[in-house]
Amino acid sequence: MARIPYDSLSAADQQRYRGLRTMKAVALGALLFMAIVFVIAFILEKDLSGWGYVRAAAEGGMVGALADWFAVTALFRHPLGIPIPHTAIIPKRKDEIGRTLGEFVETNFLEGGVVRQKLESTNIAQTAGAWLQDPAHAKTVAAEASTMASGILTALSDDEVQDLISDLAHEHLLSPSWGPSLGTWLSRVVDADAHRGAVDLGVDSIARWLDANREAFDGLVSRRLPSWVPSVAMRLVDDTVYHEATKFVAAVQRDPEHPARKALDQYLERLADNLQHDPETIGRLEGAKSAVFDSPRVRALAADAWNTAKAGLLRSLADEESPLRRRVTAALGDLGDRLATDTALQERVDKRIADAAVFLVDRYRHDIASIITDTVERWDADETSQKIELQVGRDLQYIRLNGTVVGTLAGLVIFTVAHLLLP
């Protein structure tokens, strides 16, 4: 049977291996010592009868040592390489041991009551809150979360994300008809006079533009007059048009009930109604929407939106002093304070964690336990035997030592009783 190379063992397994070899040497030394004592006693008992007791004790010690050596060795391999029945138990029954171990874990550990009792006695929320109260811990969690988020963002396919954004935009934004929704919204705005501020802003903007752009009216009307009209009359016409425009806008600014405002209100009411019920108006809006948001343009907008958002997030996640990282760290600290001090919150969090854990265990207990079974089945039989021997073999060597001692005492007692009862 091929042995696992010593250099391939972990540091802990190398230490176990050295301990196992030491205990094997001790157990073998005890057997050899009994054998030497037996030979000496066997020779001397012919002249000195008292050595018979020593011989019997040594003989019993050898028998006990050999029997326990056989028993311990038979667990892991064939003794002396001889394929004796019911030896090399672990290599032969590796898969059955794995299934039994999986069933044991599933039955005794992955049980809802056991999990709930353990979680309820742990005070998870309070412990986590006390840990998060330390700013260094909160900063560490924020850093780890940022690293994880950065990894996810980097791993995402840009093309697939852009396609997803584009598809979502088409499905939820562009495919539905905008007319009825916009018409309903506009109707509510007009009914609530919520558009007054926008109208005032528009009128004020026009007034400021007129005040700053007097020259824009030069020749606006006069250039369309016959050439024989005197230039003075032309300038008078332009000035009149400009002043009338400024007076009109000023009147609209001053009078909340100005006819122009009323006319605008009526127009918006008609537009809101047409957007909801007039097929022609709805069709024109949908045509304009399709022209503005055609597929290539939506794709480009999705690409720009994703690339901008991704670049910004990656920069913020990588910078310890970014507002995002600081807010996350502060939020974690606040969460820690609440979890550590709010008893009601602790109870709610602990109960939900316990409920979630019990649900998962009850639903997936067999799948979880099958990890043990499947893993053991994939192991090589000889390597499995050697790995188990490394874990428990050192303790099993004490069985050999105990067998030597018990055999010695048993041999001495039997010999003594035999001589007392059978003189």
Protein backbone atom coordinates (compact mmCIF):
# COMPACT_ATOMS: atom_id res chain seq x y z
CA MET A 1 0.00 0.00 0.00
CA ALA A 2 1.51 3.31 -1.06
CA ARG A 3 2.15 5.70 1.77
CA ILE A 4 1.38 9.41 1.64
CA PRO A 5 4.73 11.24 1.20
CA TYR A 6 5.82 12.90 4.44
CA ASP A 7 6.59 16.17 2.66
CA SER A 8 3.03 16.38 1.32
CA LEU A 9 1.56 16.34 4.85
CA SER A 10 0.55 19.54 6.58
CA ALA A 11 2.58 20.79 9.53
CA ALA A 12 -0.07 19.49 11.97
CA ASP A 13 -0.16 16.08 10.24
CA GLN A 14 3.63 15.88 10.29
CA GLN A 15 3.55 16.42 14.04
CA ARG A 16 0.87 13.73 14.40
CA TYR A 17 2.96 11.40 12.23
CA ARG A 18 5.98 11.83 14.49
CA GLY A 19 3.83 11.22 17.58
CA LEU A 20 2.33 8.10 15.99
CA ARG A 21 5.76 6.66 15.18
CA THR A 22 6.97 7.36 18.70
CA MET A 23 4.01 5.55 20.27
CA LYS A 24 4.40 2.64 17.87
CA ALA A 25 8.03 2.33 18.94
CA VAL A 26 7.02 2.42 22.60
CA ALA A 27 4.36 -0.27 22.10
CA LEU A 28 6.79 -2.42 20.09
CA GLY A 29 9.43 -1.90 22.77
CA ALA A 30 7.02 -3.17 25.42
CA LEU A 31 6.37 -6.30 23.34
CA LEU A 32 10.10 -6.94 22.82
CA PHE A 33 10.73 -6.39 26.54
CA MET A 34 8.10 -9.03 27.40
CA ALA A 35 9.66 -11.39 24.87
CA ILE A 36 13.13 -10.98 26.42
CA VAL A 37 11.74 -11.45 29.93
CA PHE A 38 9.89 -14.56 28.73
CA VAL A 39 13.06 -16.10 27.27
CA ILE A 40 15.06 -15.40 30.44
CA ALA A 41 12.31 -16.71 32.70
CA PHE A 42 11.81 -19.78 30.51
CA ILE A 43 15.47 -20.66 30.87
CA LEU A 44 15.72 -19.96 34.61
CA GLU A 45 12.46 -21.55 35.77
CA LYS A 46 13.98 -25.02 35.40
CA ASP A 47 16.28 -24.26 38.32
CA LEU A 48 14.21 -21.71 40.19
CA SER A 49 10.47 -22.40 40.27
CA GLY A 50 9.67 -18.79 41.19
CA TRP A 51 10.64 -17.76 37.67
CA GLY A 52 7.57 -19.59 36.46
CA TYR A 53 5.45 -16.71 37.69
CA VAL A 54 7.63 -14.30 35.74
CA ARG A 55 7.38 -16.48 32.64
CA ALA A 56 3.59 -16.64 32.91
CA ALA A 57 3.35 -12.87 33.34
CA ALA A 58 5.64 -12.25 30.36
CA GLU A 59 3.77 -14.79 28.27
CA GLY A 60 0.47 -13.11 29.05
CA GLY A 61 1.98 -9.70 28.25
CA MET A 62 3.17 -10.95 24.85
CA VAL A 63 -0.22 -12.44 24.05
CA GLY A 64 -2.03 -9.23 25.06
CA ALA A 65 0.40 -7.06 23.08
CA LEU A 66 0.13 -9.23 19.96
CA ALA A 67 -3.66 -9.45 20.17
CA ASP A 68 -4.08 -5.70 20.50
CA TRP A 69 -1.48 -5.08 17.78
CA PHE A 70 -3.55 -7.28 15.50
CA ALA A 71 -6.77 -5.53 16.47
CA VAL A 72 -5.38 -2.03 15.93
CA THR A 73 -3.60 -2.91 12.70
CA ALA A 74 -6.66 -4.69 11.30
CA LEU A 75 -8.55 -1.40 11.35
CA PHE A 76 -6.22 0.18 8.80
CA ARG A 77 -4.58 -2.63 6.83
CA HIS A 78 -3.99 -6.36 6.54
CA PRO A 79 -1.62 -7.47 9.37
CA LEU A 80 1.73 -8.47 7.85
CA GLY A 81 0.09 -8.02 4.43
CA ILE A 82 -1.90 -11.22 4.83
CA PRO A 83 -5.50 -10.81 3.56
CA ILE A 84 -7.11 -12.24 6.67
CA PRO A 85 -10.93 -11.91 6.68
CA HIS A 86 -12.35 -8.88 8.53
CA THR A 87 -9.09 -6.94 8.40
CA ALA A 88 -8.30 -3.64 6.61
CA ILE A 89 -11.75 -2.61 7.79
CA ILE A 90 -11.50 1.13 7.07
CA PRO A 91 -10.24 0.82 3.45
CA LYS A 92 -12.85 -1.83 2.65
CA ARG A 93 -15.76 -0.04 4.30
CA LYS A 94 -14.73 3.54 3.50
CA ASP A 95 -17.92 4.38 1.61
CA GLU A 96 -20.13 2.79 4.26
CA ILE A 97 -18.27 4.72 6.98
CA GLY A 98 -18.83 7.93 5.01
CA ARG A 99 -22.55 7.23 4.68
CA THR A 100 -22.81 6.33 8.37
CA LEU A 101 -20.95 9.48 9.35
CA GLY A 102 -23.20 11.58 7.11
CA GLU A 103 -26.32 9.99 8.60
CA PHE A 104 -24.96 10.57 12.12
CA VAL A 105 -24.31 14.25 11.45
CA GLU A 106 -27.69 14.65 9.74
CA THR A 107 -29.58 12.97 12.57
CA ASN A 108 -27.77 14.39 15.59
CA PHE A 109 -26.44 17.78 14.47
CA LEU A 110 -28.53 18.98 11.52
CA GLU A 111 -31.77 18.92 13.49
CA GLY A 112 -33.97 21.98 13.86
CA GLY A 113 -34.27 21.81 17.64
CA VAL A 114 -30.52 21.42 18.14
CA VAL A 115 -29.73 24.31 15.81
CA ARG A 116 -32.34 26.59 17.39
CA GLN A 117 -31.21 25.82 20.93
CA LYS A 118 -27.59 26.55 20.04
CA LEU A 119 -28.36 29.80 18.23
CA GLU A 120 -30.72 31.06 20.92
CA SER A 121 -28.05 30.54 23.58
CA THR A 122 -25.39 32.35 21.57
CA ASN A 123 -26.80 35.91 21.61
CA ILE A 124 -25.64 36.48 18.05
CA ALA A 125 -27.07 39.98 17.66
CA GLN A 126 -25.61 41.33 20.89
CA THR A 127 -22.21 39.75 20.21
CA ALA A 128 -22.13 41.07 16.66
CA GLY A 129 -23.24 44.51 17.83
CA ALA A 130 -20.53 44.71 20.48
CA TRP A 131 -17.97 43.69 17.88
CA LEU A 132 -19.19 46.25 15.34
CA GLN A 133 -19.10 49.03 17.93
CA ASP A 134 -15.33 49.05 17.59
CA PRO A 135 -14.58 51.52 14.75
CA ALA A 136 -11.68 49.36 13.60
CA HIS A 137 -13.99 46.37 13.19
CA ALA A 138 -16.61 48.41 11.36
CA LYS A 139 -13.89 49.72 9.05
CA THR A 140 -12.64 46.19 8.43
CA VAL A 141 -16.13 44.96 7.50
CA ALA A 142 -16.59 47.93 5.19
CA ALA A 143 -13.23 47.21 3.55
CA GLU A 144 -14.04 43.54 3.05
CA ALA A 145 -17.49 44.35 1.69
CA SER A 146 -15.93 46.90 -0.68
CA THR A 147 -13.40 44.35 -1.90
CA MET A 148 -16.17 41.82 -2.49
CA ALA A 149 -18.35 44.36 -4.28
CA SER A 150 -15.40 45.47 -6.44
CA GLY A 151 -14.73 41.87 -7.37
CA ILE A 152 -18.34 41.35 -8.38
CA LEU A 153 -18.42 44.55 -10.43
CA THR A 154 -15.18 43.64 -12.17
CA ALA A 155 -16.38 40.12 -12.91
CA LEU A 156 -19.65 41.27 -14.45
CA SER A 157 -19.76 41.28 -18.24
CA ASP A 158 -20.25 44.85 -19.46
CA ASP A 159 -22.06 43.70 -22.58
CA GLU A 160 -24.48 41.52 -20.62
CA VAL A 161 -25.22 44.30 -18.10
CA GLN A 162 -25.76 46.81 -20.90
CA ASP A 163 -28.10 44.39 -22.64
CA LEU A 164 -29.98 43.92 -19.37
CA ILE A 165 -30.33 47.69 -18.83
CA SER A 166 -31.44 48.14 -22.43
CA ASP A 167 -33.98 45.31 -22.14
CA LEU A 168 -35.33 46.69 -18.86
CA ALA A 169 -35.59 50.18 -20.35
CA HIS A 170 -37.53 48.83 -23.33
CA GLU A 171 -39.78 46.62 -21.22
CA HIS A 172 -40.63 48.99 -18.38
CA LEU A 173 -39.97 52.44 -19.83
CA LEU A 174 -40.31 52.53 -23.61
CA SER A 175 -42.75 49.74 -24.47
CA PRO A 176 -45.65 51.05 -22.32
CA SER A 177 -47.63 53.89 -23.86
CA TRP A 178 -46.63 57.24 -22.38
CA GLY A 179 -49.71 59.21 -23.44
CA PRO A 180 -52.28 58.12 -20.84
CA SER A 181 -49.78 58.25 -17.98
CA LEU A 182 -48.47 61.69 -18.95
CA GLY A 183 -52.01 62.92 -19.55
CA THR A 184 -53.16 61.76 -16.10
CA TRP A 185 -50.11 63.33 -14.47
CA LEU A 186 -50.57 66.62 -16.36
CA SER A 187 -54.28 66.70 -15.48
CA ARG A 188 -53.49 66.37 -11.79
CA VAL A 189 -50.83 69.07 -12.03
CA VAL A 190 -53.25 71.51 -13.68
CA ASP A 191 -56.09 70.68 -11.26
CA ALA A 192 -53.81 71.37 -8.31
CA ASP A 193 -52.38 74.56 -9.90
CA ALA A 194 -48.97 73.00 -9.43
CA HIS A 195 -47.90 74.36 -12.82
CA ARG A 196 -48.12 77.97 -11.62
CA GLY A 197 -44.55 78.04 -10.50
CA ALA A 198 -43.33 76.76 -13.86
CA VAL A 199 -45.44 79.37 -15.69
CA ASP A 200 -44.07 82.14 -13.46
CA LEU A 201 -40.56 80.94 -14.08
CA GLY A 202 -41.16 80.93 -17.85
CA VAL A 203 -42.67 84.43 -17.86
CA ASP A 204 -39.83 85.78 -15.71
CA SER A 205 -37.30 84.24 -18.05
CA ILE A 206 -38.97 85.86 -21.07
CA ALA A 207 -38.99 89.23 -19.28
CA ARG A 208 -35.28 88.97 -18.52
CA TRP A 209 -34.54 87.97 -22.11
CA LEU A 210 -36.52 90.94 -23.48
CA ASP A 211 -34.71 93.31 -21.16
CA ALA A 212 -31.31 92.01 -22.24
CA ASN A 213 -32.02 91.65 -25.98
CA ARG A 214 -33.53 94.92 -27.19
CA GLU A 215 -31.45 94.80 -30.36
CA ALA A 216 -33.11 91.54 -31.40
CA PHE A 217 -36.21 93.59 -32.35
CA ASP A 218 -34.30 95.93 -34.72
CA GLY A 219 -35.65 95.19 -38.16
CA LEU A 220 -37.91 92.41 -36.87
CA VAL A 221 -40.98 94.06 -38.48
CA SER A 222 -39.53 97.03 -40.37
CA ARG A 223 -37.54 94.91 -42.81
CA ARG A 224 -40.83 93.54 -44.10
CA LEU A 225 -42.25 97.04 -44.79
CA PRO A 226 -42.08 98.63 -48.27
CA SER A 227 -38.83 100.42 -49.02
CA TRP A 228 -40.52 103.75 -49.46
CA VAL A 229 -41.52 103.83 -45.76
CA PRO A 230 -39.31 106.40 -43.96
CA SER A 231 -36.62 105.01 -41.66
CA VAL A 232 -38.06 106.95 -38.75
CA ALA A 233 -41.34 105.11 -39.18
CA MET A 234 -39.51 101.81 -39.40
CA ARG A 235 -37.70 102.43 -36.09
CA LEU A 236 -40.98 103.52 -34.55
CA VAL A 237 -42.62 100.26 -35.63
CA ASP A 238 -39.81 98.16 -34.15
CA ASP A 239 -39.85 100.15 -30.91
CA THR A 240 -43.58 99.79 -30.69
CA VAL A 241 -43.41 96.02 -31.14
CA TYR A 242 -40.70 95.76 -28.47
CA HIS A 243 -42.55 97.93 -25.96
CA GLU A 244 -45.82 96.13 -26.55
CA ALA A 245 -44.09 92.80 -25.96
CA THR A 246 -42.50 94.00 -22.72
CA LYS A 247 -45.80 95.50 -21.52
CA PHE A 248 -47.62 92.26 -22.33
CA VAL A 249 -45.12 90.16 -20.41
CA ALA A 250 -45.16 92.59 -17.49
CA ALA A 251 -48.96 92.42 -17.39
CA VAL A 252 -48.82 88.62 -17.33
CA GLN A 253 -46.28 88.80 -14.49
CA ARG A 254 -48.47 91.10 -12.40
CA ASP A 255 -51.87 89.52 -12.96
CA PRO A 256 -52.39 85.93 -11.75
CA GLU A 257 -55.71 85.91 -13.59
CA HIS A 258 -54.39 87.29 -16.89
CA PRO A 259 -56.18 85.98 -20.00
CA ALA A 260 -52.90 84.57 -21.29
CA ARG A 261 -52.57 82.48 -18.16
CA LYS A 262 -56.17 81.33 -18.56
CA ALA A 263 -55.50 80.43 -22.17
CA LEU A 264 -52.42 78.43 -21.13
CA ASP A 265 -54.44 76.61 -18.47
CA GLN A 266 -57.08 75.70 -21.04
CA TYR A 267 -54.45 74.51 -23.47
CA LEU A 268 -52.84 72.28 -20.82
CA GLU A 269 -56.25 70.87 -19.88
CA ARG A 270 -56.94 70.02 -23.53
CA LEU A 271 -53.48 68.52 -23.92
CA ALA A 272 -53.94 66.37 -20.80
CA ASP A 273 -57.29 65.13 -22.10
CA ASN A 274 -55.92 64.47 -25.59
CA LEU A 275 -52.94 62.54 -24.19
CA GLN A 276 -55.36 60.26 -22.40
CA HIS A 277 -58.08 59.84 -25.01
CA ASP A 278 -57.11 61.21 -28.45
CA PRO A 279 -55.50 58.45 -30.59
CA GLU A 280 -53.86 61.00 -32.89
CA THR A 281 -52.14 62.86 -30.01
CA ILE A 282 -51.11 59.58 -28.39
CA GLY A 283 -49.76 58.33 -31.72
CA ARG A 284 -47.70 61.50 -32.29
CA LEU A 285 -46.21 61.18 -28.79
CA GLU A 286 -45.35 57.53 -29.34
CA GLY A 287 -43.77 58.37 -32.69
CA ALA A 288 -41.67 61.12 -31.11
CA LYS A 289 -40.67 58.74 -28.32
CA SER A 290 -39.60 56.05 -30.80
CA ALA A 291 -37.62 58.60 -32.82
CA VAL A 292 -35.78 59.84 -29.75
CA PHE A 293 -35.25 56.47 -28.09
CA ASP A 294 -34.55 54.15 -30.99
CA SER A 295 -32.72 50.90 -30.20
CA PRO A 296 -29.14 52.03 -31.02
CA ARG A 297 -29.63 55.17 -28.94
CA VAL A 298 -31.03 53.24 -25.99
CA ARG A 299 -28.11 50.82 -26.23
CA ALA A 300 -25.67 53.73 -26.19
CA LEU A 301 -27.45 55.33 -23.23
CA ALA A 302 -27.35 52.01 -21.35
CA ALA A 303 -23.63 51.66 -22.07
CA ASP A 304 -22.91 55.20 -20.91
CA ALA A 305 -25.02 54.77 -17.78
CA TRP A 306 -23.38 51.47 -16.83
CA ASN A 307 -19.83 52.55 -17.57
CA THR A 308 -20.26 55.78 -15.62
CA ALA A 309 -21.90 54.06 -12.66
CA LYS A 310 -19.34 51.22 -12.63
CA ALA A 311 -16.34 53.53 -12.80
CA GLY A 312 -17.74 55.74 -10.06
CA LEU A 313 -18.52 52.80 -7.79
CA LEU A 314 -15.09 51.22 -8.29
CA ARG A 315 -13.37 54.50 -7.42
CA SER A 316 -15.52 54.96 -4.32
CA LEU A 317 -15.05 51.38 -3.18
CA ALA A 318 -11.27 51.55 -3.60
CA ASP A 319 -10.86 54.85 -1.74
CA GLU A 320 -10.96 54.45 2.06
CA GLU A 321 -11.84 58.12 2.45
CA SER A 322 -14.60 58.19 -0.15
CA PRO A 323 -18.03 59.34 1.04
CA LEU A 324 -19.45 55.91 0.21
CA ARG A 325 -16.90 54.05 2.36
CA ARG A 326 -17.31 56.54 5.21
CA ARG A 327 -21.09 56.22 5.11
CA VAL A 328 -20.91 52.42 5.08
CA THR A 329 -18.50 52.43 8.02
CA ALA A 330 -20.68 54.87 9.95
CA ALA A 331 -23.79 52.83 9.18
CA LEU A 332 -22.10 49.67 10.44
CA GLY A 333 -21.07 51.46 13.63
CA ASP A 334 -24.63 52.70 14.16
CA LEU A 335 -25.95 49.21 13.54
CA GLY A 336 -23.49 47.86 16.11
CA ASP A 337 -24.66 50.40 18.69
CA ARG A 338 -28.29 49.45 18.16
CA LEU A 339 -27.63 45.72 18.25
CA ALA A 340 -25.57 46.06 21.42
CA THR A 341 -28.09 48.18 23.34
CA ASP A 342 -31.58 47.56 21.92
CA THR A 343 -32.94 44.44 23.61
CA ALA A 344 -36.06 44.30 21.44
CA LEU A 345 -33.97 44.51 18.27
CA GLN A 346 -31.65 41.79 19.58
CA GLU A 347 -34.59 39.48 20.15
CA ARG A 348 -36.00 40.12 16.69
CA VAL A 349 -32.66 39.60 14.96
CA ASP A 350 -31.83 36.45 16.95
CA LYS A 351 -35.29 34.99 16.26
CA ARG A 352 -35.06 35.67 12.54
CA ILE A 353 -31.57 34.21 12.34
CA ALA A 354 -32.72 31.12 14.22
CA ASP A 355 -35.84 30.77 12.05
CA ALA A 356 -33.78 31.12 8.87
CA ALA A 357 -31.17 28.62 10.06
CA VAL A 358 -33.82 26.08 11.12
CA PHE A 359 -35.61 26.48 7.79
CA LEU A 360 -32.40 25.90 5.85
CA VAL A 361 -31.38 22.95 8.02
CA ASP A 362 -34.78 21.26 7.81
CA ARG A 363 -34.99 21.82 4.07
CA TYR A 364 -31.42 21.00 3.08
CA ARG A 365 -30.14 18.79 5.91
CA HIS A 366 -29.79 15.76 3.65
CA ASP A 367 -27.99 17.77 0.97
CA ILE A 368 -25.62 19.22 3.58
CA ALA A 369 -24.88 15.81 5.09
CA SER A 370 -24.34 14.35 1.62
CA ILE A 371 -21.25 16.56 1.34
CA ILE A 372 -19.58 14.27 3.89
CA THR A 373 -20.73 11.11 2.13
CA ASP A 374 -19.75 12.31 -1.35
CA THR A 375 -16.39 13.62 -0.16
CA VAL A 376 -15.46 10.35 1.56
CA GLU A 377 -16.53 8.38 -1.52
CA ARG A 378 -14.11 10.41 -3.64
CA TRP A 379 -11.18 9.71 -1.32
CA ASP A 380 -8.68 6.99 -2.14
CA ALA A 381 -9.21 4.05 0.22
CA ASP A 382 -5.55 3.72 1.28
CA GLU A 383 -5.10 7.46 1.74
CA THR A 384 -8.31 7.61 3.76
CA SER A 385 -7.05 4.88 6.04
CA GLN A 386 -3.74 6.68 6.52
CA LYS A 387 -5.43 10.02 7.20
CA ILE A 388 -7.67 8.49 9.86
CA GLU A 389 -4.70 6.67 11.37
CA LEU A 390 -2.84 9.98 11.65
CA GLN A 391 -5.78 11.43 13.58
CA VAL A 392 -6.41 8.60 16.05
CA GLY A 393 -3.49 6.18 15.60
CA ARG A 394 -1.39 7.62 18.43
CA ASP A 395 -4.21 7.10 20.93
CA LEU A 396 -4.80 3.59 19.60
CA GLN A 397 -1.19 2.65 20.43
CA TYR A 398 -2.11 3.06 24.08
CA ILE A 399 -4.46 0.10 23.54
CA ARG A 400 -1.39 -1.98 22.70
CA LEU A 401 0.37 -0.78 25.83
CA ASN A 402 -2.71 -1.44 27.92
CA GLY A 403 -3.04 -4.87 26.34
CA THR A 404 0.56 -5.62 27.31
CA VAL A 405 -0.03 -4.58 30.92
CA VAL A 406 -3.41 -6.31 31.20
CA GLY A 407 -2.04 -9.45 29.56
CA THR A 408 0.88 -9.47 31.99
CA LEU A 409 -1.42 -9.20 34.99
CA ALA A 410 -3.86 -11.75 33.54
CA GLY A 411 -1.07 -14.25 32.87
CA LEU A 412 0.30 -13.85 36.38
CA VAL A 413 -3.15 -14.21 37.99
CA ILE A 414 -4.10 -17.25 35.92
CA PHE A 415 -0.79 -18.97 36.65
CA THR A 416 -1.06 -18.19 40.33
CA VAL A 417 -4.68 -19.38 40.62
CA ALA A 418 -3.84 -22.52 38.68
CA HIS A 419 -1.02 -23.36 41.10
CA LEU A 420 -3.18 -22.62 44.13
CA LEU A 421 -6.16 -24.65 42.92
CA LEU A 422 -4.22 -27.37 41.13
CA PRO A 423 -1.22 -28.23 43.33
